[in-house]
Amino acid sequence: MNYKDYVKWERMPSTWCPGCAIGTIFKSLAYTLEKLSVPREELVVVSGIGCSGRAAGYFDGDSVHTTHGRAVAVAEGIKRGNPALKVIVFSGDGDLVGIGGNHFLHTSRRDVDLTVVCVNNGIYGMTGGQMAPTTPPGEKTLTSPRGTAFAPINIQAIATAGPRHFYARASVYQVNHLQQALREAIEWPGFAFVDVMAFCLENFGRRLAFKSGHEMLFKVKADFKINPAPAGRLADNELGVVKHGH
């Protein structure tokens, strides 16, 4: 199959803003599905609410657009109902580790065979740019105009808490690394979380004086570097794969 076979082209152009990072992650996942030759009849994509949640409707195959925060829970139900399916969750950080944080915590603890792709832009983008659990300290948002005083949630620590785990941090700039992380995650026989460093231009970046998605993309490049062989957990500015147990 070609990567284009996984896309509902009749629904294009997408609703994502010009310069949005989500399209890069969406296309990278489609490329990865092509490389792995995943049959569409064996694939289910699940998403929650938010800009990233629109992705489920653009994949040409079985997909579920769930309520806010319930993507992982619904995906687990699908996988338990038919273990032969390849179930992939594609959603945002607010949906997955904010509203849906409890499901992330326990589905990862149970090591359910799912791949979770998290578009981590550090903000609640669709609803106006409010502070999220992933917002970096000091960042100004709609609900933290003087800068957030809270430390962001440690997604890596939760994903790697169990004896068997897979956590990857990738970015929308280092696309080859992103696709490799997605491939390893889909092939991993257990719960796999891919944390993709992304950005929201319209409801976050412009408030911080960024003029374009291109400018924010190169900020991602400057902020994150690939560690090809991490000895333990990744440092805050590192991209890489941390796995153990299989």
C-alpha atoms as a PDB file:
ATOM      1  CA  MET A   1       0.000   0.000   0.000  1.00  0.00           C
ATOM      2  CA  ASN A   2       0.970   3.609  -0.549  1.00  0.00           C
ATOM      3  CA  TYR A   3       0.767   6.115   2.296  1.00  0.00           C
ATOM      4  CA  LYS A   4      -1.927   7.942   0.311  1.00  0.00           C
ATOM      5  CA  ASP A   5      -4.185   4.904   0.680  1.00  0.00           C
ATOM      6  CA  TYR A   6      -4.527   5.649   4.402  1.00  0.00           C
ATOM      7  CA  VAL A   7      -5.925   9.149   3.821  1.00  0.00           C
ATOM      8  CA  LYS A   8      -9.479  10.274   3.033  1.00  0.00           C
ATOM      9  CA  TRP A   9      -8.529  12.764   0.344  1.00  0.00           C
ATOM     10  CA  GLU A  10     -12.129  13.764  -0.286  1.00  0.00           C
ATOM     11  CA  ARG A  11     -12.063  15.447   3.148  1.00  0.00           C
ATOM     12  CA  MET A  12      -9.042  17.560   2.286  1.00  0.00           C
ATOM     13  CA  PRO A  13      -8.080  20.302   2.826  1.00  0.00           C
ATOM     14  CA  SER A  14      -8.123  19.697   6.560  1.00  0.00           C
ATOM     15  CA  THR A  15      -9.487  22.071   9.190  1.00  0.00           C
ATOM     16  CA  TRP A  16      -6.014  22.587  10.666  1.00  0.00           C
ATOM     17  CA  CYS A  17      -4.628  26.112  10.555  1.00  0.00           C
ATOM     18  CA  PRO A  18      -1.925  27.027   8.026  1.00  0.00           C
ATOM     19  CA  GLY A  19       1.436  26.328   9.631  1.00  0.00           C
ATOM     20  CA  CYS A  20       0.009  23.817  12.132  1.00  0.00           C
ATOM     21  CA  ALA A  21       2.323  20.999  13.224  1.00  0.00           C
ATOM     22  CA  ILE A  22      -0.375  18.332  13.282  1.00  0.00           C
ATOM     23  CA  GLY A  23      -0.242  17.701   9.536  1.00  0.00           C
ATOM     24  CA  THR A  24       3.433  16.744   9.736  1.00  0.00           C
ATOM     25  CA  ILE A  25       2.689  14.131  12.400  1.00  0.00           C
ATOM     26  CA  PHE A  26      -0.369  12.856  10.512  1.00  0.00           C
ATOM     27  CA  LYS A  27       1.643  12.390   7.315  1.00  0.00           C
ATOM     28  CA  SER A  28       4.530  10.767   9.202  1.00  0.00           C
ATOM     29  CA  LEU A  29       2.137   8.225  10.676  1.00  0.00           C
ATOM     30  CA  ALA A  30       0.689   7.488   7.231  1.00  0.00           C
ATOM     31  CA  TYR A  31       4.235   6.980   5.889  1.00  0.00           C
ATOM     32  CA  THR A  32       4.991   4.640   8.786  1.00  0.00           C
ATOM     33  CA  LEU A  33       1.862   2.568   8.186  1.00  0.00           C
ATOM     34  CA  GLU A  34       2.974   2.191   4.565  1.00  0.00           C
ATOM     35  CA  LYS A  35       6.460   1.035   5.598  1.00  0.00           C
ATOM     36  CA  LEU A  36       4.970  -1.528   7.973  1.00  0.00           C
ATOM     37  CA  SER A  37       2.364  -2.634   5.384  1.00  0.00           C
ATOM     38  CA  VAL A  38      -0.440  -2.455   7.947  1.00  0.00           C
ATOM     39  CA  PRO A  39      -3.669  -3.622   6.251  1.00  0.00           C
ATOM     40  CA  ARG A  40      -6.444  -1.047   6.564  1.00  0.00           C
ATOM     41  CA  GLU A  41      -8.904  -3.744   7.605  1.00  0.00           C
ATOM     42  CA  GLU A  42      -6.689  -4.500  10.626  1.00  0.00           C
ATOM     43  CA  LEU A  43      -6.209  -0.857  11.650  1.00  0.00           C
ATOM     44  CA  VAL A  44      -8.288   1.300  13.990  1.00  0.00           C
ATOM     45  CA  VAL A  45      -7.422   4.935  14.767  1.00  0.00           C
ATOM     46  CA  VAL A  46      -8.940   6.480  17.887  1.00  0.00           C
ATOM     47  CA  SER A  47      -8.881  10.128  18.888  1.00  0.00           C
ATOM     48  CA  GLY A  48     -10.396  12.423  21.475  1.00  0.00           C
ATOM     49  CA  ILE A  49     -11.462  16.051  21.388  1.00  0.00           C
ATOM     50  CA  GLY A  50      -9.226  18.885  20.237  1.00  0.00           C
ATOM     51  CA  CYS A  51      -7.467  19.907  17.045  1.00  0.00           C
ATOM     52  CA  SER A  52      -5.445  16.678  16.956  1.00  0.00           C
ATOM     53  CA  GLY A  53      -8.620  14.691  17.481  1.00  0.00           C
ATOM     54  CA  ARG A  54      -9.740  15.623  13.981  1.00  0.00           C
ATOM     55  CA  ALA A  55      -7.131  13.194  12.638  1.00  0.00           C
ATOM     56  CA  ALA A  56      -9.309  10.115  13.108  1.00  0.00           C
ATOM     57  CA  GLY A  57     -11.721  11.440  10.503  1.00  0.00           C
ATOM     58  CA  TYR A  58      -8.962  11.873   7.927  1.00  0.00           C
ATOM     59  CA  PHE A  59      -7.656   8.293   8.058  1.00  0.00           C
ATOM     60  CA  ASP A  60      -9.254   6.042   5.444  1.00  0.00           C
ATOM     61  CA  GLY A  61     -10.246   3.111   7.598  1.00  0.00           C
ATOM     62  CA  ASP A  62     -12.041   2.321  10.803  1.00  0.00           C
ATOM     63  CA  SER A  63     -11.778   5.183  13.258  1.00  0.00           C
ATOM     64  CA  VAL A  64     -13.475   6.455  16.391  1.00  0.00           C
ATOM     65  CA  HIS A  65     -13.779  10.100  17.462  1.00  0.00           C
ATOM     66  CA  THR A  66     -14.430   9.808  21.186  1.00  0.00           C
ATOM     67  CA  THR A  67     -15.495  12.255  23.877  1.00  0.00           C
ATOM     68  CA  HIS A  68     -12.926  14.440  25.624  1.00  0.00           C
ATOM     69  CA  GLY A  69     -10.262  12.472  27.456  1.00  0.00           C
ATOM     70  CA  ARG A  70     -11.642   9.031  26.609  1.00  0.00           C
ATOM     71  CA  ALA A  71      -9.523   8.078  23.597  1.00  0.00           C
ATOM     72  CA  VAL A  72      -7.224   5.694  25.477  1.00  0.00           C
ATOM     73  CA  ALA A  73     -10.116   4.039  27.335  1.00  0.00           C
ATOM     74  CA  VAL A  74     -12.057   3.432  24.118  1.00  0.00           C
ATOM     75  CA  ALA A  75      -8.915   2.174  22.381  1.00  0.00           C
ATOM     76  CA  GLU A  76      -8.317  -0.304  25.202  1.00  0.00           C
ATOM     77  CA  GLY A  77     -11.874  -1.592  24.828  1.00  0.00           C
ATOM     78  CA  ILE A  78     -11.385  -2.081  21.088  1.00  0.00           C
ATOM     79  CA  LYS A  79      -8.101  -3.916  21.607  1.00  0.00           C
ATOM     80  CA  ARG A  80      -9.553  -6.194  24.277  1.00  0.00           C
ATOM     81  CA  GLY A  81     -12.563  -6.894  22.067  1.00  0.00           C
ATOM     82  CA  ASN A  82     -10.399  -7.855  19.084  1.00  0.00           C
ATOM     83  CA  PRO A  83      -6.718  -8.362  19.979  1.00  0.00           C
ATOM     84  CA  ALA A  84      -5.826  -8.950  16.313  1.00  0.00           C
ATOM     85  CA  LEU A  85      -6.407  -5.287  15.482  1.00  0.00           C
ATOM     86  CA  LYS A  86      -3.638  -2.685  15.359  1.00  0.00           C
ATOM     87  CA  VAL A  87      -5.075   0.124  17.498  1.00  0.00           C
ATOM     88  CA  ILE A  88      -3.486   3.571  17.360  1.00  0.00           C
ATOM     89  CA  VAL A  89      -4.516   6.585  19.420  1.00  0.00           C
ATOM     90  CA  PHE A  90      -3.849   9.976  17.804  1.00  0.00           C
ATOM     91  CA  SER A  91      -4.697  12.940  20.020  1.00  0.00           C
ATOM     92  CA  GLY A  92      -3.347  15.981  21.832  1.00  0.00           C
ATOM     93  CA  ASP A  93      -1.629  16.491  25.167  1.00  0.00           C
ATOM     94  CA  GLY A  94      -4.638  18.164  26.751  1.00  0.00           C
ATOM     95  CA  ASP A  95      -6.880  15.270  25.793  1.00  0.00           C
ATOM     96  CA  LEU A  96      -4.430  12.476  26.652  1.00  0.00           C
ATOM     97  CA  VAL A  97      -2.621  13.630  29.802  1.00  0.00           C
ATOM     98  CA  GLY A  98      -4.939  16.397  30.990  1.00  0.00           C
ATOM     99  CA  ILE A  99      -8.602  15.448  30.695  1.00  0.00           C
ATOM    100  CA  GLY A 100      -7.672  11.807  30.040  1.00  0.00           C
ATOM    101  CA  GLY A 101      -4.756  11.536  32.439  1.00  0.00           C
ATOM    102  CA  ASN A 102      -6.332   8.812  34.590  1.00  0.00           C
ATOM    103  CA  HIS A 103      -6.855   6.549  31.573  1.00  0.00           C
ATOM    104  CA  PHE A 104      -3.252   7.114  30.460  1.00  0.00           C
ATOM    105  CA  LEU A 105      -2.033   6.240  33.957  1.00  0.00           C
ATOM    106  CA  HIS A 106      -3.867   2.930  34.220  1.00  0.00           C
ATOM    107  CA  THR A 107      -3.750   1.725  30.618  1.00  0.00           C
ATOM    108  CA  SER A 108       0.022   2.183  30.636  1.00  0.00           C
ATOM    109  CA  ARG A 109       0.177   0.390  34.013  1.00  0.00           C
ATOM    110  CA  ARG A 110      -1.723  -2.551  32.505  1.00  0.00           C
ATOM    111  CA  ASP A 111       0.655  -2.531  29.515  1.00  0.00           C
ATOM    112  CA  VAL A 112      -2.196  -2.809  27.009  1.00  0.00           C
ATOM    113  CA  ASP A 113      -0.936  -3.332  23.450  1.00  0.00           C
ATOM    114  CA  LEU A 114      -1.704   0.142  22.080  1.00  0.00           C
ATOM    115  CA  THR A 115       0.279   2.846  20.313  1.00  0.00           C
ATOM    116  CA  VAL A 116      -0.462   6.357  21.573  1.00  0.00           C
ATOM    117  CA  VAL A 117       0.683   9.318  19.458  1.00  0.00           C
ATOM    118  CA  CYS A 118       0.544  12.501  21.514  1.00  0.00           C
ATOM    119  CA  VAL A 119       0.677  15.855  19.704  1.00  0.00           C
ATOM    120  CA  ASN A 120       2.296  17.827  22.514  1.00  0.00           C
ATOM    121  CA  ASN A 121       1.982  21.557  21.831  1.00  0.00           C
ATOM    122  CA  GLY A 122       1.845  22.611  25.482  1.00  0.00           C
ATOM    123  CA  ILE A 123      -1.556  24.274  25.239  1.00  0.00           C
ATOM    124  CA  TYR A 124      -5.303  23.767  24.903  1.00  0.00           C
ATOM    125  CA  GLY A 125      -5.319  25.033  21.342  1.00  0.00           C
ATOM    126  CA  MET A 126      -8.844  24.430  20.047  1.00  0.00           C
ATOM    127  CA  THR A 127     -10.601  26.081  22.994  1.00  0.00           C
ATOM    128  CA  GLY A 128      -8.623  29.306  22.973  1.00  0.00           C
ATOM    129  CA  GLY A 129      -5.107  28.795  24.276  1.00  0.00           C
ATOM    130  CA  GLN A 130      -5.526  28.015  27.961  1.00  0.00           C
ATOM    131  CA  MET A 131      -2.718  26.693  30.141  1.00  0.00           C
ATOM    132  CA  ALA A 132      -2.382  22.892  29.914  1.00  0.00           C
ATOM    133  CA  PRO A 133      -0.673  20.302  32.130  1.00  0.00           C
ATOM    134  CA  THR A 134       2.201  20.383  29.629  1.00  0.00           C
ATOM    135  CA  THR A 135       2.673  24.162  29.463  1.00  0.00           C
ATOM    136  CA  PRO A 136       6.333  25.022  30.175  1.00  0.00           C
ATOM    137  CA  PRO A 137       7.052  27.064  33.319  1.00  0.00           C
ATOM    138  CA  GLY A 138       6.800  30.805  32.808  1.00  0.00           C
ATOM    139  CA  GLU A 139       4.916  30.589  29.511  1.00  0.00           C
ATOM    140  CA  LYS A 140       2.157  33.145  29.054  1.00  0.00           C
ATOM    141  CA  THR A 141      -1.203  31.721  28.072  1.00  0.00           C
ATOM    142  CA  LEU A 142      -4.799  32.888  28.058  1.00  0.00           C
ATOM    143  CA  THR A 143      -5.214  31.665  31.653  1.00  0.00           C
ATOM    144  CA  SER A 144      -1.689  32.469  32.845  1.00  0.00           C
ATOM    145  CA  PRO A 145      -1.058  35.970  31.461  1.00  0.00           C
ATOM    146  CA  ARG A 146       1.894  36.484  33.831  1.00  0.00           C
ATOM    147  CA  GLY A 147       3.360  33.079  33.010  1.00  0.00           C
ATOM    148  CA  THR A 148       2.474  29.704  34.469  1.00  0.00           C
ATOM    149  CA  ALA A 149       3.906  29.008  37.913  1.00  0.00           C
ATOM    150  CA  PHE A 150       3.477  25.228  37.689  1.00  0.00           C
ATOM    151  CA  ALA A 151       5.845  22.500  36.574  1.00  0.00           C
ATOM    152  CA  PRO A 152       4.507  20.491  33.618  1.00  0.00           C
ATOM    153  CA  ILE A 153       3.386  16.895  34.063  1.00  0.00           C
ATOM    154  CA  ASN A 154       6.209  14.388  33.622  1.00  0.00           C
ATOM    155  CA  ILE A 155       4.815  12.219  30.841  1.00  0.00           C
ATOM    156  CA  GLN A 156       8.014  10.204  30.552  1.00  0.00           C
ATOM    157  CA  ALA A 157       7.969   9.291  34.248  1.00  0.00           C
ATOM    158  CA  ILE A 158       4.410   7.948  33.999  1.00  0.00           C
ATOM    159  CA  ALA A 159       5.022   6.050  30.755  1.00  0.00           C
ATOM    160  CA  THR A 160       8.198   4.412  32.109  1.00  0.00           C
ATOM    161  CA  ALA A 161       6.949   3.687  35.643  1.00  0.00           C
ATOM    162  CA  GLY A 162       6.227   0.026  34.935  1.00  0.00           C
ATOM    163  CA  PRO A 163       8.861  -2.703  34.527  1.00  0.00           C
ATOM    164  CA  ARG A 164       7.895  -3.097  30.863  1.00  0.00           C
ATOM    165  CA  HIS A 165       7.609   0.194  29.018  1.00  0.00           C
ATOM    166  CA  PHE A 166       8.105   2.108  25.784  1.00  0.00           C
ATOM    167  CA  TYR A 167       8.390   5.881  25.675  1.00  0.00           C
ATOM    168  CA  ALA A 168       9.631   7.925  22.732  1.00  0.00           C
ATOM    169  CA  ARG A 169      10.065  11.671  22.529  1.00  0.00           C
ATOM    170  CA  ALA A 170      10.222  12.981  18.974  1.00  0.00           C
ATOM    171  CA  SER A 171       9.585  16.291  17.241  1.00  0.00           C
ATOM    172  CA  VAL A 172       7.984  17.724  14.143  1.00  0.00           C
ATOM    173  CA  TYR A 173      11.356  19.031  12.951  1.00  0.00           C
ATOM    174  CA  GLN A 174      13.385  15.803  13.101  1.00  0.00           C
ATOM    175  CA  VAL A 175      10.972  13.924  10.818  1.00  0.00           C
ATOM    176  CA  ASN A 176      13.167  10.880  10.129  1.00  0.00           C
ATOM    177  CA  HIS A 177      13.554  10.326  13.851  1.00  0.00           C
ATOM    178  CA  LEU A 178       9.807  10.819  14.333  1.00  0.00           C
ATOM    179  CA  GLN A 179       9.006   8.136  11.764  1.00  0.00           C
ATOM    180  CA  GLN A 180      11.505   5.735  13.311  1.00  0.00           C
ATOM    181  CA  ALA A 181       9.967   6.308  16.742  1.00  0.00           C
ATOM    182  CA  LEU A 182       6.493   5.654  15.324  1.00  0.00           C
ATOM    183  CA  ARG A 183       7.667   2.482  13.654  1.00  0.00           C
ATOM    184  CA  GLU A 184       9.255   1.122  16.825  1.00  0.00           C
ATOM    185  CA  ALA A 185       6.170   2.045  18.831  1.00  0.00           C
ATOM    186  CA  ILE A 186       3.760   0.260  16.485  1.00  0.00           C
ATOM    187  CA  GLU A 187       5.967  -2.843  16.508  1.00  0.00           C
ATOM    188  CA  TRP A 188       6.289  -2.827  20.316  1.00  0.00           C
ATOM    189  CA  PRO A 189       4.186  -5.635  21.907  1.00  0.00           C
ATOM    190  CA  GLY A 190       2.668  -3.550  24.684  1.00  0.00           C
ATOM    191  CA  PHE A 191       1.756  -0.004  25.613  1.00  0.00           C
ATOM    192  CA  ALA A 192       3.834   2.478  23.583  1.00  0.00           C
ATOM    193  CA  PHE A 193       3.673   6.251  23.999  1.00  0.00           C
ATOM    194  CA  VAL A 194       5.142   8.622  21.400  1.00  0.00           C
ATOM    195  CA  ASP A 195       5.395  12.153  22.776  1.00  0.00           C
ATOM    196  CA  VAL A 196       5.788  14.486  19.779  1.00  0.00           C
ATOM    197  CA  MET A 197       7.070  17.976  20.484  1.00  0.00           C
ATOM    198  CA  ALA A 198       4.848  20.188  18.358  1.00  0.00           C
ATOM    199  CA  PHE A 199       3.441  23.720  18.410  1.00  0.00           C
ATOM    200  CA  CYS A 200       0.251  25.720  18.050  1.00  0.00           C
ATOM    201  CA  LEU A 201       0.723  28.925  16.102  1.00  0.00           C
ATOM    202  CA  GLU A 202      -2.673  30.629  16.229  1.00  0.00           C
ATOM    203  CA  ASN A 203      -3.728  30.181  19.856  1.00  0.00           C
ATOM    204  CA  PHE A 204      -0.296  30.067  21.461  1.00  0.00           C
ATOM    205  CA  GLY A 205       2.566  31.137  19.219  1.00  0.00           C
ATOM    206  CA  ARG A 206       1.169  34.482  18.138  1.00  0.00           C
ATOM    207  CA  ARG A 207       0.547  35.369  21.779  1.00  0.00           C
ATOM    208  CA  LEU A 208       4.276  34.821  22.292  1.00  0.00           C
ATOM    209  CA  ALA A 209       5.140  37.003  19.261  1.00  0.00           C
ATOM    210  CA  PHE A 210       5.924  34.196  16.795  1.00  0.00           C
ATOM    211  CA  LYS A 211       5.044  35.316  13.279  1.00  0.00           C
ATOM    212  CA  SER A 212       4.794  31.963  11.482  1.00  0.00           C
ATOM    213  CA  GLY A 213       4.757  28.202  11.851  1.00  0.00           C
ATOM    214  CA  HIS A 214       8.181  28.159  10.195  1.00  0.00           C
ATOM    215  CA  GLU A 215       9.561  30.284  13.021  1.00  0.00           C
ATOM    216  CA  MET A 216       8.076  27.970  15.644  1.00  0.00           C
ATOM    217  CA  LEU A 217       9.407  24.920  13.815  1.00  0.00           C
ATOM    218  CA  PHE A 218      12.950  26.221  14.101  1.00  0.00           C
ATOM    219  CA  LYS A 219      12.362  26.945  17.786  1.00  0.00           C
ATOM    220  CA  VAL A 220      11.634  23.219  18.164  1.00  0.00           C
ATOM    221  CA  LYS A 221      14.864  22.480  16.295  1.00  0.00           C
ATOM    222  CA  ALA A 222      16.829  24.720  18.668  1.00  0.00           C
ATOM    223  CA  ASP A 223      15.226  23.327  21.818  1.00  0.00           C
ATOM    224  CA  PHE A 224      15.532  19.561  21.231  1.00  0.00           C
ATOM    225  CA  LYS A 225      18.418  17.306  20.245  1.00  0.00           C
ATOM    226  CA  ILE A 226      18.419  13.582  19.474  1.00  0.00           C
ATOM    227  CA  ASN A 227      20.060  11.176  21.908  1.00  0.00           C
ATOM    228  CA  PRO A 228      20.485   8.008  19.807  1.00  0.00           C
ATOM    229  CA  ALA A 229      21.230   5.734  22.758  1.00  0.00           C
ATOM    230  CA  PRO A 230      19.944   7.037  26.097  1.00  0.00           C
ATOM    231  CA  ALA A 231      21.331   5.180  29.117  1.00  0.00           C
ATOM    232  CA  GLY A 232      18.259   5.988  31.182  1.00  0.00           C
ATOM    233  CA  ARG A 233      15.458   8.514  31.006  1.00  0.00           C
ATOM    234  CA  LEU A 234      15.758  11.353  28.519  1.00  0.00           C
ATOM    235  CA  ALA A 235      16.769  14.803  29.696  1.00  0.00           C
ATOM    236  CA  ASP A 236      14.183  17.541  29.212  1.00  0.00           C
ATOM    237  CA  ASN A 237      15.774  18.713  25.946  1.00  0.00           C
ATOM    238  CA  GLU A 238      16.452  15.259  24.493  1.00  0.00           C
ATOM    239  CA  LEU A 239      14.657  13.227  21.844  1.00  0.00           C
ATOM    240  CA  GLY A 240      14.983   9.477  21.816  1.00  0.00           C
ATOM    241  CA  VAL A 241      13.483   6.123  22.714  1.00  0.00           C
ATOM    242  CA  VAL A 242      13.385   4.621  26.202  1.00  0.00           C
ATOM    243  CA  LYS A 243      12.212   1.006  26.380  1.00  0.00           C
ATOM    244  CA  HIS A 244      12.556  -2.003  28.622  1.00  0.00           C
ATOM    245  CA  GLY A 245      11.057  -5.403  29.185  1.00  0.00           C
ATOM    246  CA  HIS A 246      10.315  -7.029  25.823  1.00  0.00           C
END
